[in-house]
Amino acid sequence: MSANPDHKQLLHLVFGGELDSLEGITFKDLAKLDIVGIYPNYATAHTAWKAKAQQTVDQAQTRYFIVHLHRLLDPETAAS
C-alpha cells in the first residue's frame, strides 16, 4: 500500500528488441523482447531507456520504447 493514497502512480514500461526493418515497429522475434522494467515516473523510465539505447547503439535494428502504462490503466490521466 502507498503511504499517500491521494498520490497517483504514473507507471511506465521500458522494453525493446530487434525490429524487422528500420521503417516500422514490427519486432523480429517477440520471444526475444527485452523487458527492461516498470518505473514509477517518466524521468526514471527515460533514464533506463537511455541507458539501454546507448548499450545497443551499434545494433541499428534494435530499438527501445517507453510505454505510458498509466494511460492504459486509467484513460482519464491521458491528458497529463
C-alpha atoms as a PDB file:
ATOM      1  CA  MET A   1       0.000   0.000   0.000  1.00  0.00           C
ATOM      2  CA  SER A   2       1.115   3.522  -0.738  1.00  0.00           C
ATOM      3  CA  ALA A   3       1.780   5.895   2.147  1.00  0.00           C
ATOM      4  CA  ASN A   4      -0.180   8.598   0.304  1.00  0.00           C
ATOM      5  CA  PRO A   5      -3.433   7.223  -1.174  1.00  0.00           C
ATOM      6  CA  ASP A   6      -4.128  10.528  -2.996  1.00  0.00           C
ATOM      7  CA  HIS A   7      -0.875  10.254  -4.995  1.00  0.00           C
ATOM      8  CA  LYS A   8      -1.418   8.569  -8.376  1.00  0.00           C
ATOM      9  CA  GLN A   9       1.334   6.348  -9.701  1.00  0.00           C
ATOM     10  CA  LEU A  10       2.321   7.199 -13.265  1.00  0.00           C
ATOM     11  CA  LEU A  11       3.733   3.813 -14.268  1.00  0.00           C
ATOM     12  CA  HIS A  12       5.944   3.494 -17.357  1.00  0.00           C
ATOM     13  CA  LEU A  13       7.204   0.339 -19.088  1.00  0.00           C
ATOM     14  CA  VAL A  14      10.569   0.269 -20.871  1.00  0.00           C
ATOM     15  CA  PHE A  15      11.103  -2.519 -23.399  1.00  0.00           C
ATOM     16  CA  GLY A  16      12.731  -3.170 -26.736  1.00  0.00           C
ATOM     17  CA  GLY A  17      14.153  -5.598 -29.196  1.00  0.00           C
ATOM     18  CA  GLU A  18      15.287  -6.150 -32.748  1.00  0.00           C
ATOM     19  CA  LEU A  19      12.982  -4.799 -35.444  1.00  0.00           C
ATOM     20  CA  ASP A  20      12.209  -6.414 -38.808  1.00  0.00           C
ATOM     21  CA  SER A  21      13.141  -3.185 -40.575  1.00  0.00           C
ATOM     22  CA  LEU A  22      14.079   0.389 -39.751  1.00  0.00           C
ATOM     23  CA  GLU A  23      10.892   1.670 -41.394  1.00  0.00           C
ATOM     24  CA  GLY A  24       8.452   0.080 -38.933  1.00  0.00           C
ATOM     25  CA  ILE A  25       7.929  -1.074 -35.386  1.00  0.00           C
ATOM     26  CA  THR A  26       7.397  -4.791 -36.011  1.00  0.00           C
ATOM     27  CA  PHE A  27       9.682  -6.911 -33.867  1.00  0.00           C
ATOM     28  CA  LYS A  28      11.675  -9.719 -35.463  1.00  0.00           C
ATOM     29  CA  ASP A  29      11.078 -12.202 -32.606  1.00  0.00           C
ATOM     30  CA  LEU A  30       8.560 -11.456 -29.838  1.00  0.00           C
ATOM     31  CA  ALA A  31      10.074 -14.192 -27.673  1.00  0.00           C
ATOM     32  CA  LYS A  32      13.302 -12.168 -27.530  1.00  0.00           C
ATOM     33  CA  LEU A  33      11.806  -8.868 -26.371  1.00  0.00           C
ATOM     34  CA  ASP A  34      13.866  -7.242 -23.625  1.00  0.00           C
ATOM     35  CA  ILE A  35      11.599  -6.088 -20.800  1.00  0.00           C
ATOM     36  CA  VAL A  36      13.804  -3.567 -19.005  1.00  0.00           C
ATOM     37  CA  GLY A  37      11.308  -2.759 -16.252  1.00  0.00           C
ATOM     38  CA  ILE A  38       8.360  -0.796 -14.943  1.00  0.00           C
ATOM     39  CA  TYR A  39       9.127   2.595 -13.426  1.00  0.00           C
ATOM     40  CA  PRO A  40       7.138   4.950 -11.151  1.00  0.00           C
ATOM     41  CA  ASN A  41       7.563   8.057 -13.308  1.00  0.00           C
ATOM     42  CA  TYR A  42       8.688   9.214 -16.737  1.00  0.00           C
ATOM     43  CA  ALA A  43      12.043  10.600 -15.586  1.00  0.00           C
ATOM     44  CA  THR A  44      13.151   7.249 -14.148  1.00  0.00           C
ATOM     45  CA  ALA A  45      11.847   5.398 -17.222  1.00  0.00           C
ATOM     46  CA  HIS A  46      13.694   7.801 -19.518  1.00  0.00           C
ATOM     47  CA  THR A  47      16.954   7.187 -17.642  1.00  0.00           C
ATOM     48  CA  ALA A  48      16.529   3.406 -18.058  1.00  0.00           C
ATOM     49  CA  TRP A  49      15.532   3.798 -21.728  1.00  0.00           C
ATOM     50  CA  LYS A  50      18.557   5.982 -22.455  1.00  0.00           C
ATOM     51  CA  ALA A  51      20.951   3.506 -20.820  1.00  0.00           C
ATOM     52  CA  LYS A  52      19.587   0.583 -22.877  1.00  0.00           C
ATOM     53  CA  ALA A  53      19.542   2.637 -26.083  1.00  0.00           C
ATOM     54  CA  GLN A  54      23.181   3.606 -25.547  1.00  0.00           C
ATOM     55  CA  GLN A  55      24.161  -0.025 -24.871  1.00  0.00           C
ATOM     56  CA  THR A  56      22.699  -1.061 -28.236  1.00  0.00           C
ATOM     57  CA  VAL A  57      23.804   1.934 -30.320  1.00  0.00           C
ATOM     58  CA  ASP A  58      25.855  -0.316 -32.644  1.00  0.00           C
ATOM     59  CA  GLN A  59      22.834  -2.555 -33.342  1.00  0.00           C
ATOM     60  CA  ALA A  60      20.938  -0.429 -35.869  1.00  0.00           C
ATOM     61  CA  GLN A  61      17.751  -2.501 -35.835  1.00  0.00           C
ATOM     62  CA  THR A  62      17.406  -2.645 -32.051  1.00  0.00           C
ATOM     63  CA  ARG A  63      15.025  -0.095 -30.552  1.00  0.00           C
ATOM     64  CA  TYR A  64      13.742   0.606 -27.063  1.00  0.00           C
ATOM     65  CA  PHE A  65      10.433   2.252 -26.191  1.00  0.00           C
ATOM     66  CA  ILE A  66       8.692   3.842 -23.226  1.00  0.00           C
ATOM     67  CA  VAL A  67       5.023   2.925 -22.788  1.00  0.00           C
ATOM     68  CA  HIS A  68       2.861   5.129 -20.560  1.00  0.00           C
ATOM     69  CA  LEU A  69       1.118   2.327 -18.645  1.00  0.00           C
ATOM     70  CA  HIS A  70      -0.813   4.802 -16.529  1.00  0.00           C
ATOM     71  CA  ARG A  71      -2.605   5.988 -19.675  1.00  0.00           C
ATOM     72  CA  LEU A  72      -3.697   2.425 -20.443  1.00  0.00           C
ATOM     73  CA  LEU A  73      -4.713   1.635 -16.869  1.00  0.00           C
ATOM     74  CA  ASP A  74      -6.541   4.935 -16.284  1.00  0.00           C
ATOM     75  CA  PRO A  75      -7.525   6.692 -19.527  1.00  0.00           C
ATOM     76  CA  GLU A  76      -8.549   9.791 -17.546  1.00  0.00           C
ATOM     77  CA  THR A  77      -4.830  10.518 -16.993  1.00  0.00           C
ATOM     78  CA  ALA A  78      -4.146  10.545 -20.760  1.00  0.00           C
ATOM     79  CA  ALA A  79      -4.222  14.338 -20.775  1.00  0.00           C
ATOM     80  CA  SER A  80      -1.430  14.532 -18.174  1.00  0.00           C
END
